[in-house]
Amino acid sequence: RMQPVVLILDNLDTLEDIENVRAFIYGLPHQVKVVITSREKVQLEAATPIRLEPLPEADGISLIGHLGENSVSLTEEQCRQVWEKTSGIPAAIVYIMGQLAADYPLEPVLERLTRATGDVVRYCFEGSVAFLREREPSSYRLLMALARFPGGSGPEAIAPIADVDFQTATYSGFAKLVQQYLAFRQDLRYNMLSLTREYAIASLQNHPELEREIIERWLNWSLGYCEEHGGKDWQEWNEYDELEREWENIKEALFYCIANNRYEDVCKFWHTIKCYNYSQGYY
């Protein structure tokens, strides 16, 4: 009470007795200013929230240059690679630059970054994802299904792939993902950072039965979508707005089938999308 104090409460989301902590904060004298960090959104009266977003490209590359100015020499393209691989998350950038300063080669460092057992992704995601898997199974399944959509998608696509009731998904399932900063909403679609996506896909390999279920439903949905909106005569004038909207996601499913030798599925995809492919001049 005799002097101004700054009290920092780090990682509030890891505490179990949140209510007592709230009471403690509200009971502090006015000379004490409190800074709270949390991976989850925290509701506190009279608090001013500051949400820390991933760094945009220019700022991310600036940080990379600052961290490496005395020990690491990277080309402009390599700096962009680091920023893209880290999704602009400062902790991941700092980790990679530390590895490069210790003379580890760039490519292996970037490859290790997204392994489910890697230091950075475990620090950033493991606790949140483990919490969802144990206590919020619907949100966990939605997260794993959403990871298959690099272009993002809406609840009407994600919910059936996750095998989650649509109302549960829209009213509570996705809200938990957004609250934990594992996903974000843009208009009527949900998406996630590429680093989050790669971690989710890698970690799901530890649960092969659920992985098989989600992959099969994802491919069936993708094929069904292409059959509904494709398969037209490429020599005639056609509108392809629906395919265009989901093209990034369709390519992801197609390339998965190619990589995993699912020849019949590749043929089915090609039969329905070749009209759009020709019209756009894609090879």
C-alpha atoms as a PDB file:
ATOM      1  CA  ARG A   1       0.000   0.000   0.000  1.00  0.00           C
ATOM      2  CA  MET A   2       3.006   2.289   0.388  1.00  0.00           C
ATOM      3  CA  GLN A   3       4.314   2.289  -3.186  1.00  0.00           C
ATOM      4  CA  PRO A   4       3.246   1.660  -6.787  1.00  0.00           C
ATOM      5  CA  VAL A   5       3.625  -1.980  -7.844  1.00  0.00           C
ATOM      6  CA  VAL A   6       3.279  -3.842 -11.134  1.00  0.00           C
ATOM      7  CA  LEU A   7       2.126  -7.426 -10.563  1.00  0.00           C
ATOM      8  CA  ILE A   8       2.473  -9.832 -13.493  1.00  0.00           C
ATOM      9  CA  LEU A   9       0.408 -13.048 -13.505  1.00  0.00           C
ATOM     10  CA  ASP A  10       1.769 -15.206 -16.315  1.00  0.00           C
ATOM     11  CA  ASN A  11      -0.188 -18.069 -17.957  1.00  0.00           C
ATOM     12  CA  LEU A  12      -3.391 -17.534 -15.998  1.00  0.00           C
ATOM     13  CA  ASP A  13      -5.029 -20.292 -18.074  1.00  0.00           C
ATOM     14  CA  THR A  14      -2.858 -22.904 -16.318  1.00  0.00           C
ATOM     15  CA  LEU A  15      -4.298 -22.132 -12.855  1.00  0.00           C
ATOM     16  CA  GLU A  16      -7.099 -24.290 -11.504  1.00  0.00           C
ATOM     17  CA  ASP A  17      -8.360 -21.979  -8.733  1.00  0.00           C
ATOM     18  CA  ILE A  18      -9.294 -19.076 -10.991  1.00  0.00           C
ATOM     19  CA  GLU A  19     -12.083 -17.705  -8.776  1.00  0.00           C
ATOM     20  CA  ASN A  20      -9.802 -17.167  -5.779  1.00  0.00           C
ATOM     21  CA  VAL A  21      -7.311 -15.455  -8.081  1.00  0.00           C
ATOM     22  CA  ARG A  22     -10.068 -13.154  -9.331  1.00  0.00           C
ATOM     23  CA  ALA A  23     -11.031 -12.286  -5.743  1.00  0.00           C
ATOM     24  CA  PHE A  24      -7.382 -11.596  -4.949  1.00  0.00           C
ATOM     25  CA  ILE A  25      -7.026  -9.264  -7.950  1.00  0.00           C
ATOM     26  CA  TYR A  26     -10.215  -7.337  -7.152  1.00  0.00           C
ATOM     27  CA  GLY A  27      -9.039  -6.886  -3.551  1.00  0.00           C
ATOM     28  CA  LEU A  28      -5.711  -5.281  -4.425  1.00  0.00           C
ATOM     29  CA  PRO A  29      -5.122  -1.624  -3.488  1.00  0.00           C
ATOM     30  CA  HIS A  30      -5.268   0.923  -6.268  1.00  0.00           C
ATOM     31  CA  GLN A  31      -1.465   1.401  -6.270  1.00  0.00           C
ATOM     32  CA  VAL A  32      -1.110  -2.119  -7.737  1.00  0.00           C
ATOM     33  CA  LYS A  33      -1.414  -2.464 -11.511  1.00  0.00           C
ATOM     34  CA  VAL A  34      -1.898  -6.021 -12.768  1.00  0.00           C
ATOM     35  CA  VAL A  35      -0.767  -7.496 -16.096  1.00  0.00           C
ATOM     36  CA  ILE A  36      -2.217 -10.910 -16.932  1.00  0.00           C
ATOM     37  CA  THR A  37      -1.160 -13.232 -19.756  1.00  0.00           C
ATOM     38  CA  SER A  38      -3.335 -16.097 -20.895  1.00  0.00           C
ATOM     39  CA  ARG A  39      -3.825 -18.298 -23.931  1.00  0.00           C
ATOM     40  CA  GLU A  40      -7.562 -18.154 -23.250  1.00  0.00           C
ATOM     41  CA  LYS A  41      -9.763 -15.091 -23.209  1.00  0.00           C
ATOM     42  CA  VAL A  42     -10.160 -13.911 -19.610  1.00  0.00           C
ATOM     43  CA  GLN A  43     -13.202 -11.932 -18.484  1.00  0.00           C
ATOM     44  CA  LEU A  44     -12.232  -9.403 -15.805  1.00  0.00           C
ATOM     45  CA  GLU A  45     -14.079  -6.255 -14.833  1.00  0.00           C
ATOM     46  CA  ALA A  46     -12.299  -2.987 -15.658  1.00  0.00           C
ATOM     47  CA  ALA A  47      -9.636  -4.901 -17.637  1.00  0.00           C
ATOM     48  CA  THR A  48      -8.286  -3.672 -20.965  1.00  0.00           C
ATOM     49  CA  PRO A  49      -7.570  -6.669 -23.213  1.00  0.00           C
ATOM     50  CA  ILE A  50      -4.678  -6.606 -25.676  1.00  0.00           C
ATOM     51  CA  ARG A  51      -4.783  -9.504 -28.097  1.00  0.00           C
ATOM     52  CA  LEU A  52      -1.354 -10.368 -29.500  1.00  0.00           C
ATOM     53  CA  GLU A  53      -1.771 -11.487 -33.098  1.00  0.00           C
ATOM     54  CA  PRO A  54       0.937 -13.274 -35.114  1.00  0.00           C
ATOM     55  CA  LEU A  55       3.384 -10.840 -36.692  1.00  0.00           C
ATOM     56  CA  PRO A  56       2.602  -9.736 -40.263  1.00  0.00           C
ATOM     57  CA  GLU A  57       5.279 -10.507 -42.836  1.00  0.00           C
ATOM     58  CA  ALA A  58       7.141  -7.181 -42.657  1.00  0.00           C
ATOM     59  CA  ASP A  59       7.329  -7.224 -38.850  1.00  0.00           C
ATOM     60  CA  GLY A  60       8.200 -10.914 -38.737  1.00  0.00           C
ATOM     61  CA  ILE A  61      11.077 -10.481 -41.181  1.00  0.00           C
ATOM     62  CA  SER A  62      12.232  -7.434 -39.204  1.00  0.00           C
ATOM     63  CA  LEU A  63      12.359  -9.554 -36.025  1.00  0.00           C
ATOM     64  CA  ILE A  64      14.236 -12.316 -37.885  1.00  0.00           C
ATOM     65  CA  GLY A  65      16.800  -9.783 -39.086  1.00  0.00           C
ATOM     66  CA  HIS A  66      17.187  -8.292 -35.614  1.00  0.00           C
ATOM     67  CA  LEU A  67      17.712 -11.676 -33.959  1.00  0.00           C
ATOM     68  CA  GLY A  68      20.223 -12.811 -36.552  1.00  0.00           C
ATOM     69  CA  GLU A  69      22.149  -9.619 -37.222  1.00  0.00           C
ATOM     70  CA  ASN A  70      25.256 -10.716 -35.285  1.00  0.00           C
ATOM     71  CA  SER A  71      25.176 -14.476 -35.738  1.00  0.00           C
ATOM     72  CA  VAL A  72      22.957 -15.669 -38.617  1.00  0.00           C
ATOM     73  CA  SER A  73      23.049 -14.659 -42.263  1.00  0.00           C
ATOM     74  CA  LEU A  74      19.848 -15.386 -44.185  1.00  0.00           C
ATOM     75  CA  THR A  75      18.752 -14.383 -47.649  1.00  0.00           C
ATOM     76  CA  GLU A  76      15.475 -12.537 -48.163  1.00  0.00           C
ATOM     77  CA  GLU A  77      13.865 -15.743 -49.403  1.00  0.00           C
ATOM     78  CA  GLN A  78      15.109 -17.692 -46.363  1.00  0.00           C
ATOM     79  CA  CYS A  79      13.708 -15.018 -44.027  1.00  0.00           C
ATOM     80  CA  ARG A  80      10.347 -15.393 -45.778  1.00  0.00           C
ATOM     81  CA  GLN A  81      10.569 -19.172 -45.348  1.00  0.00           C
ATOM     82  CA  VAL A  82      11.095 -18.767 -41.612  1.00  0.00           C
ATOM     83  CA  TRP A  83       8.176 -16.358 -41.308  1.00  0.00           C
ATOM     84  CA  GLU A  84       5.844 -18.615 -43.318  1.00  0.00           C
ATOM     85  CA  LYS A  85       6.799 -21.765 -41.423  1.00  0.00           C
ATOM     86  CA  THR A  86       6.308 -20.100 -38.032  1.00  0.00           C
ATOM     87  CA  SER A  87       3.034 -18.411 -39.069  1.00  0.00           C
ATOM     88  CA  GLY A  88       4.512 -15.223 -37.606  1.00  0.00           C
ATOM     89  CA  ILE A  89       4.454 -16.528 -34.017  1.00  0.00           C
ATOM     90  CA  PRO A  90       7.308 -14.712 -32.209  1.00  0.00           C
ATOM     91  CA  ALA A  91       8.144 -17.620 -29.882  1.00  0.00           C
ATOM     92  CA  ALA A  92       8.634 -19.903 -32.880  1.00  0.00           C
ATOM     93  CA  ILE A  93      10.771 -17.298 -34.671  1.00  0.00           C
ATOM     94  CA  VAL A  94      12.995 -16.887 -31.603  1.00  0.00           C
ATOM     95  CA  TYR A  95      13.369 -20.668 -31.319  1.00  0.00           C
ATOM     96  CA  ILE A  96      14.371 -21.098 -34.963  1.00  0.00           C
ATOM     97  CA  MET A  97      16.867 -18.226 -34.864  1.00  0.00           C
ATOM     98  CA  GLY A  98      18.416 -19.726 -31.725  1.00  0.00           C
ATOM     99  CA  GLN A  99      18.822 -23.055 -33.503  1.00  0.00           C
ATOM    100  CA  LEU A 100      20.421 -21.363 -36.519  1.00  0.00           C
ATOM    101  CA  ALA A 101      22.773 -19.428 -34.236  1.00  0.00           C
ATOM    102  CA  ALA A 102      23.908 -22.796 -32.886  1.00  0.00           C
ATOM    103  CA  ASP A 103      24.898 -23.748 -36.461  1.00  0.00           C
ATOM    104  CA  TYR A 104      21.996 -26.114 -37.182  1.00  0.00           C
ATOM    105  CA  PRO A 105      21.084 -26.123 -40.930  1.00  0.00           C
ATOM    106  CA  LEU A 106      17.933 -24.219 -41.913  1.00  0.00           C
ATOM    107  CA  GLU A 107      15.968 -26.996 -43.654  1.00  0.00           C
ATOM    108  CA  PRO A 108      16.174 -29.580 -40.806  1.00  0.00           C
ATOM    109  CA  VAL A 109      15.293 -26.863 -38.263  1.00  0.00           C
ATOM    110  CA  LEU A 110      12.185 -25.864 -40.235  1.00  0.00           C
ATOM    111  CA  GLU A 111      11.220 -29.521 -40.690  1.00  0.00           C
ATOM    112  CA  ARG A 112      11.532 -30.249 -36.952  1.00  0.00           C
ATOM    113  CA  LEU A 113       9.479 -27.206 -36.023  1.00  0.00           C
ATOM    114  CA  THR A 114       6.095 -28.780 -36.746  1.00  0.00           C
ATOM    115  CA  ARG A 115       6.756 -32.244 -35.377  1.00  0.00           C
ATOM    116  CA  ALA A 116       4.243 -33.125 -32.684  1.00  0.00           C
ATOM    117  CA  THR A 117       7.159 -33.818 -30.318  1.00  0.00           C
ATOM    118  CA  GLY A 118       8.982 -30.566 -31.108  1.00  0.00           C
ATOM    119  CA  ASP A 119       9.714 -28.033 -28.372  1.00  0.00           C
ATOM    120  CA  VAL A 120       7.891 -25.081 -29.928  1.00  0.00           C
ATOM    121  CA  VAL A 121       4.634 -26.754 -30.910  1.00  0.00           C
ATOM    122  CA  ARG A 122       4.495 -28.555 -27.577  1.00  0.00           C
ATOM    123  CA  TYR A 123       4.917 -25.207 -25.804  1.00  0.00           C
ATOM    124  CA  CYS A 124       2.374 -23.430 -27.998  1.00  0.00           C
ATOM    125  CA  PHE A 125      -0.283 -26.105 -28.450  1.00  0.00           C
ATOM    126  CA  GLU A 126       0.178 -29.283 -26.421  1.00  0.00           C
ATOM    127  CA  GLY A 127      -1.547 -28.096 -23.250  1.00  0.00           C
ATOM    128  CA  SER A 128      -4.545 -26.609 -25.054  1.00  0.00           C
ATOM    129  CA  VAL A 129      -5.020 -29.592 -27.371  1.00  0.00           C
ATOM    130  CA  ALA A 130      -4.646 -32.105 -24.522  1.00  0.00           C
ATOM    131  CA  PHE A 131      -7.282 -30.176 -22.533  1.00  0.00           C
ATOM    132  CA  LEU A 132      -9.699 -30.349 -25.453  1.00  0.00           C
ATOM    133  CA  ARG A 133      -9.070 -34.054 -26.024  1.00  0.00           C
ATOM    134  CA  GLU A 134      -9.802 -34.877 -22.378  1.00  0.00           C
ATOM    135  CA  ARG A 135     -12.565 -32.394 -21.484  1.00  0.00           C
ATOM    136  CA  GLU A 136     -14.021 -30.999 -24.726  1.00  0.00           C
ATOM    137  CA  PRO A 137     -14.075 -33.949 -27.157  1.00  0.00           C
ATOM    138  CA  SER A 138     -16.439 -32.229 -29.611  1.00  0.00           C
ATOM    139  CA  SER A 139     -14.126 -29.219 -29.923  1.00  0.00           C
ATOM    140  CA  TYR A 140     -11.146 -31.543 -30.275  1.00  0.00           C
ATOM    141  CA  ARG A 141     -12.762 -33.419 -33.167  1.00  0.00           C
ATOM    142  CA  LEU A 142     -13.704 -30.129 -34.822  1.00  0.00           C
ATOM    143  CA  LEU A 143     -10.092 -28.976 -34.532  1.00  0.00           C
ATOM    144  CA  MET A 144      -8.806 -32.145 -36.183  1.00  0.00           C
ATOM    145  CA  ALA A 145     -11.384 -31.918 -38.978  1.00  0.00           C
ATOM    146  CA  LEU A 146     -10.693 -28.206 -39.570  1.00  0.00           C
ATOM    147  CA  ALA A 147      -6.973 -29.008 -39.953  1.00  0.00           C
ATOM    148  CA  ARG A 148      -7.823 -30.760 -43.249  1.00  0.00           C
ATOM    149  CA  PHE A 149      -9.059 -27.469 -44.755  1.00  0.00           C
ATOM    150  CA  PRO A 150      -6.111 -25.149 -45.531  1.00  0.00           C
ATOM    151  CA  GLY A 151      -8.557 -22.662 -47.035  1.00  0.00           C
ATOM    152  CA  GLY A 152     -10.872 -22.810 -44.030  1.00  0.00           C
ATOM    153  CA  SER A 153     -14.523 -23.782 -44.218  1.00  0.00           C
ATOM    154  CA  GLY A 154     -17.890 -23.407 -42.564  1.00  0.00           C
ATOM    155  CA  PRO A 155     -19.563 -25.481 -39.830  1.00  0.00           C
ATOM    156  CA  GLU A 156     -21.772 -27.220 -42.417  1.00  0.00           C
ATOM    157  CA  ALA A 157     -18.651 -28.939 -43.807  1.00  0.00           C
ATOM    158  CA  ILE A 158     -16.553 -29.346 -40.652  1.00  0.00           C
ATOM    159  CA  ALA A 159     -19.241 -30.687 -38.301  1.00  0.00           C
ATOM    160  CA  PRO A 160     -20.142 -33.861 -40.270  1.00  0.00           C
ATOM    161  CA  ILE A 161     -16.468 -34.635 -40.896  1.00  0.00           C
ATOM    162  CA  ALA A 162     -15.816 -34.313 -37.166  1.00  0.00           C
ATOM    163  CA  ASP A 163     -18.960 -36.368 -36.471  1.00  0.00           C
ATOM    164  CA  VAL A 164     -20.262 -33.573 -34.247  1.00  0.00           C
ATOM    165  CA  ASP A 165     -23.863 -32.399 -34.084  1.00  0.00           C
ATOM    166  CA  PHE A 166     -24.267 -29.152 -36.073  1.00  0.00           C
ATOM    167  CA  GLN A 167     -25.837 -27.217 -33.203  1.00  0.00           C
ATOM    168  CA  THR A 168     -23.134 -28.343 -30.783  1.00  0.00           C
ATOM    169  CA  ALA A 169     -20.500 -27.237 -33.277  1.00  0.00           C
ATOM    170  CA  THR A 170     -21.986 -23.808 -33.936  1.00  0.00           C
ATOM    171  CA  TYR A 171     -23.017 -22.904 -30.378  1.00  0.00           C
ATOM    172  CA  SER A 172     -20.121 -24.222 -28.308  1.00  0.00           C
ATOM    173  CA  GLY A 173     -17.602 -26.366 -30.215  1.00  0.00           C
ATOM    174  CA  PHE A 174     -16.006 -23.693 -32.371  1.00  0.00           C
ATOM    175  CA  ALA A 175     -16.316 -21.105 -29.604  1.00  0.00           C
ATOM    176  CA  LYS A 176     -13.911 -23.121 -27.478  1.00  0.00           C
ATOM    177  CA  LEU A 177     -11.380 -23.267 -30.329  1.00  0.00           C
ATOM    178  CA  VAL A 178     -11.580 -19.513 -30.849  1.00  0.00           C
ATOM    179  CA  GLN A 179     -11.325 -18.913 -27.092  1.00  0.00           C
ATOM    180  CA  GLN A 180      -8.108 -20.947 -26.981  1.00  0.00           C
ATOM    181  CA  TYR A 181      -6.759 -19.187 -30.104  1.00  0.00           C
ATOM    182  CA  LEU A 182      -6.549 -22.513 -31.935  1.00  0.00           C
ATOM    183  CA  ALA A 183      -8.882 -21.229 -34.660  1.00  0.00           C
ATOM    184  CA  PHE A 184     -10.267 -17.914 -35.841  1.00  0.00           C
ATOM    185  CA  ARG A 185     -13.431 -16.855 -37.618  1.00  0.00           C
ATOM    186  CA  GLN A 186     -13.585 -14.893 -40.859  1.00  0.00           C
ATOM    187  CA  ASP A 187     -17.127 -14.032 -41.920  1.00  0.00           C
ATOM    188  CA  LEU A 188     -18.943 -17.393 -41.875  1.00  0.00           C
ATOM    189  CA  ARG A 189     -15.828 -19.584 -42.145  1.00  0.00           C
ATOM    190  CA  TYR A 190     -13.312 -20.884 -39.628  1.00  0.00           C
ATOM    191  CA  ASN A 191      -9.598 -21.277 -40.206  1.00  0.00           C
ATOM    192  CA  MET A 192      -6.345 -21.750 -38.300  1.00  0.00           C
ATOM    193  CA  LEU A 193      -2.687 -20.792 -38.565  1.00  0.00           C
ATOM    194  CA  SER A 194      -0.586 -23.112 -40.711  1.00  0.00           C
ATOM    195  CA  LEU A 195       1.607 -23.973 -37.698  1.00  0.00           C
ATOM    196  CA  THR A 196      -1.491 -24.986 -35.729  1.00  0.00           C
ATOM    197  CA  ARG A 197      -2.703 -27.040 -38.696  1.00  0.00           C
ATOM    198  CA  GLU A 198       0.547 -28.948 -39.078  1.00  0.00           C
ATOM    199  CA  TYR A 199       0.688 -29.688 -35.358  1.00  0.00           C
ATOM    200  CA  ALA A 200      -2.926 -30.925 -35.338  1.00  0.00           C
ATOM    201  CA  ILE A 201      -2.335 -33.240 -38.307  1.00  0.00           C
ATOM    202  CA  ALA A 202       0.899 -34.580 -36.789  1.00  0.00           C
ATOM    203  CA  SER A 203      -0.583 -35.116 -33.321  1.00  0.00           C
ATOM    204  CA  LEU A 204      -3.626 -36.954 -34.715  1.00  0.00           C
ATOM    205  CA  GLN A 205      -1.283 -39.665 -35.976  1.00  0.00           C
ATOM    206  CA  ASN A 206      -1.057 -40.775 -32.344  1.00  0.00           C
ATOM    207  CA  HIS A 207      -4.755 -41.683 -32.565  1.00  0.00           C
ATOM    208  CA  PRO A 208      -4.923 -43.774 -35.770  1.00  0.00           C
ATOM    209  CA  GLU A 209      -8.553 -44.888 -35.466  1.00  0.00           C
ATOM    210  CA  LEU A 210      -9.872 -41.323 -35.164  1.00  0.00           C
ATOM    211  CA  GLU A 211      -7.465 -40.231 -37.901  1.00  0.00           C
ATOM    212  CA  ARG A 212      -8.875 -42.859 -40.311  1.00  0.00           C
ATOM    213  CA  GLU A 213     -12.454 -41.844 -39.530  1.00  0.00           C
ATOM    214  CA  ILE A 214     -11.808 -38.149 -40.125  1.00  0.00           C
ATOM    215  CA  ILE A 215      -9.813 -38.735 -43.317  1.00  0.00           C
ATOM    216  CA  GLU A 216     -12.510 -40.964 -44.841  1.00  0.00           C
ATOM    217  CA  ARG A 217     -15.298 -38.520 -44.028  1.00  0.00           C
ATOM    218  CA  TRP A 218     -13.168 -35.619 -45.312  1.00  0.00           C
ATOM    219  CA  LEU A 219     -12.483 -37.339 -48.648  1.00  0.00           C
ATOM    220  CA  ASN A 220     -16.123 -38.386 -49.015  1.00  0.00           C
ATOM    221  CA  TRP A 221     -17.255 -34.813 -48.358  1.00  0.00           C
ATOM    222  CA  SER A 222     -14.710 -33.428 -50.839  1.00  0.00           C
ATOM    223  CA  LEU A 223     -15.735 -35.893 -53.553  1.00  0.00           C
ATOM    224  CA  GLY A 224     -19.406 -35.207 -52.906  1.00  0.00           C
ATOM    225  CA  TYR A 225     -18.845 -31.463 -53.154  1.00  0.00           C
ATOM    226  CA  CYS A 226     -16.999 -31.857 -56.471  1.00  0.00           C
ATOM    227  CA  GLU A 227     -19.704 -34.139 -57.856  1.00  0.00           C
ATOM    228  CA  GLU A 228     -22.383 -31.617 -56.899  1.00  0.00           C
ATOM    229  CA  HIS A 229     -20.673 -28.545 -58.313  1.00  0.00           C
ATOM    230  CA  GLY A 230     -18.394 -29.989 -61.033  1.00  0.00           C
ATOM    231  CA  GLY A 231     -18.655 -32.579 -63.778  1.00  0.00           C
ATOM    232  CA  LYS A 232     -19.843 -30.093 -66.408  1.00  0.00           C
ATOM    233  CA  ASP A 233     -19.021 -29.977 -70.102  1.00  0.00           C
ATOM    234  CA  TRP A 234     -15.787 -27.989 -70.333  1.00  0.00           C
ATOM    235  CA  GLN A 235     -16.584 -26.885 -73.899  1.00  0.00           C
ATOM    236  CA  GLU A 236     -19.659 -24.955 -72.735  1.00  0.00           C
ATOM    237  CA  TRP A 237     -19.897 -21.778 -70.694  1.00  0.00           C
ATOM    238  CA  ASN A 238     -20.275 -22.630 -67.000  1.00  0.00           C
ATOM    239  CA  GLU A 239     -20.158 -20.877 -63.667  1.00  0.00           C
ATOM    240  CA  TYR A 240     -17.651 -22.334 -61.187  1.00  0.00           C
ATOM    241  CA  ASP A 241     -18.060 -20.068 -58.152  1.00  0.00           C
ATOM    242  CA  GLU A 242     -18.588 -23.005 -55.776  1.00  0.00           C
ATOM    243  CA  LEU A 243     -15.480 -24.854 -56.954  1.00  0.00           C
ATOM    244  CA  GLU A 244     -13.465 -21.636 -56.912  1.00  0.00           C
ATOM    245  CA  ARG A 245     -14.450 -20.965 -53.287  1.00  0.00           C
ATOM    246  CA  GLU A 246     -13.238 -24.384 -52.136  1.00  0.00           C
ATOM    247  CA  TRP A 247     -10.424 -24.902 -54.667  1.00  0.00           C
ATOM    248  CA  GLU A 248      -7.594 -24.780 -52.108  1.00  0.00           C
ATOM    249  CA  ASN A 249      -9.372 -27.415 -50.018  1.00  0.00           C
ATOM    250  CA  ILE A 250     -10.166 -29.589 -53.039  1.00  0.00           C
ATOM    251  CA  LYS A 251      -6.498 -29.568 -54.074  1.00  0.00           C
ATOM    252  CA  GLU A 252      -5.525 -30.643 -50.555  1.00  0.00           C
ATOM    253  CA  ALA A 253      -7.827 -33.682 -50.773  1.00  0.00           C
ATOM    254  CA  LEU A 254      -6.706 -34.518 -54.326  1.00  0.00           C
ATOM    255  CA  PHE A 255      -3.003 -34.320 -53.454  1.00  0.00           C
ATOM    256  CA  TYR A 256      -3.600 -36.456 -50.351  1.00  0.00           C
ATOM    257  CA  CYS A 257      -5.078 -39.173 -52.580  1.00  0.00           C
ATOM    258  CA  ILE A 258      -2.136 -38.913 -54.980  1.00  0.00           C
ATOM    259  CA  ALA A 259       0.418 -39.109 -52.155  1.00  0.00           C
ATOM    260  CA  ASN A 260      -1.323 -42.143 -50.655  1.00  0.00           C
ATOM    261  CA  ASN A 261      -1.856 -44.058 -53.935  1.00  0.00           C
ATOM    262  CA  ARG A 262      -5.664 -43.829 -53.850  1.00  0.00           C
ATOM    263  CA  TYR A 263      -5.911 -44.160 -57.626  1.00  0.00           C
ATOM    264  CA  GLU A 264      -9.680 -44.670 -57.877  1.00  0.00           C
ATOM    265  CA  ASP A 265     -10.356 -41.586 -55.767  1.00  0.00           C
ATOM    266  CA  VAL A 266      -7.968 -39.530 -57.907  1.00  0.00           C
ATOM    267  CA  CYS A 267      -9.933 -40.602 -61.008  1.00  0.00           C
ATOM    268  CA  LYS A 268     -13.229 -39.625 -59.351  1.00  0.00           C
ATOM    269  CA  PHE A 269     -11.836 -36.206 -58.422  1.00  0.00           C
ATOM    270  CA  TRP A 270     -10.459 -35.626 -61.925  1.00  0.00           C
ATOM    271  CA  HIS A 271     -13.723 -36.610 -63.590  1.00  0.00           C
ATOM    272  CA  THR A 272     -15.566 -33.894 -61.633  1.00  0.00           C
ATOM    273  CA  ILE A 273     -12.994 -31.076 -61.656  1.00  0.00           C
ATOM    274  CA  LYS A 274     -11.396 -31.332 -65.105  1.00  0.00           C
ATOM    275  CA  CYS A 275     -13.948 -28.911 -66.571  1.00  0.00           C
ATOM    276  CA  TYR A 276     -12.987 -26.254 -64.031  1.00  0.00           C
ATOM    277  CA  ASN A 277      -9.298 -27.140 -64.367  1.00  0.00           C
ATOM    278  CA  TYR A 278      -9.373 -26.611 -68.143  1.00  0.00           C
ATOM    279  CA  SER A 279     -11.380 -23.408 -67.888  1.00  0.00           C
ATOM    280  CA  GLN A 280      -8.813 -21.886 -65.516  1.00  0.00           C
ATOM    281  CA  GLY A 281      -5.823 -23.047 -67.547  1.00  0.00           C
ATOM    282  CA  TYR A 282      -4.440 -25.114 -64.641  1.00  0.00           C
ATOM    283  CA  TYR A 283      -2.077 -27.970 -65.396  1.00  0.00           C
END
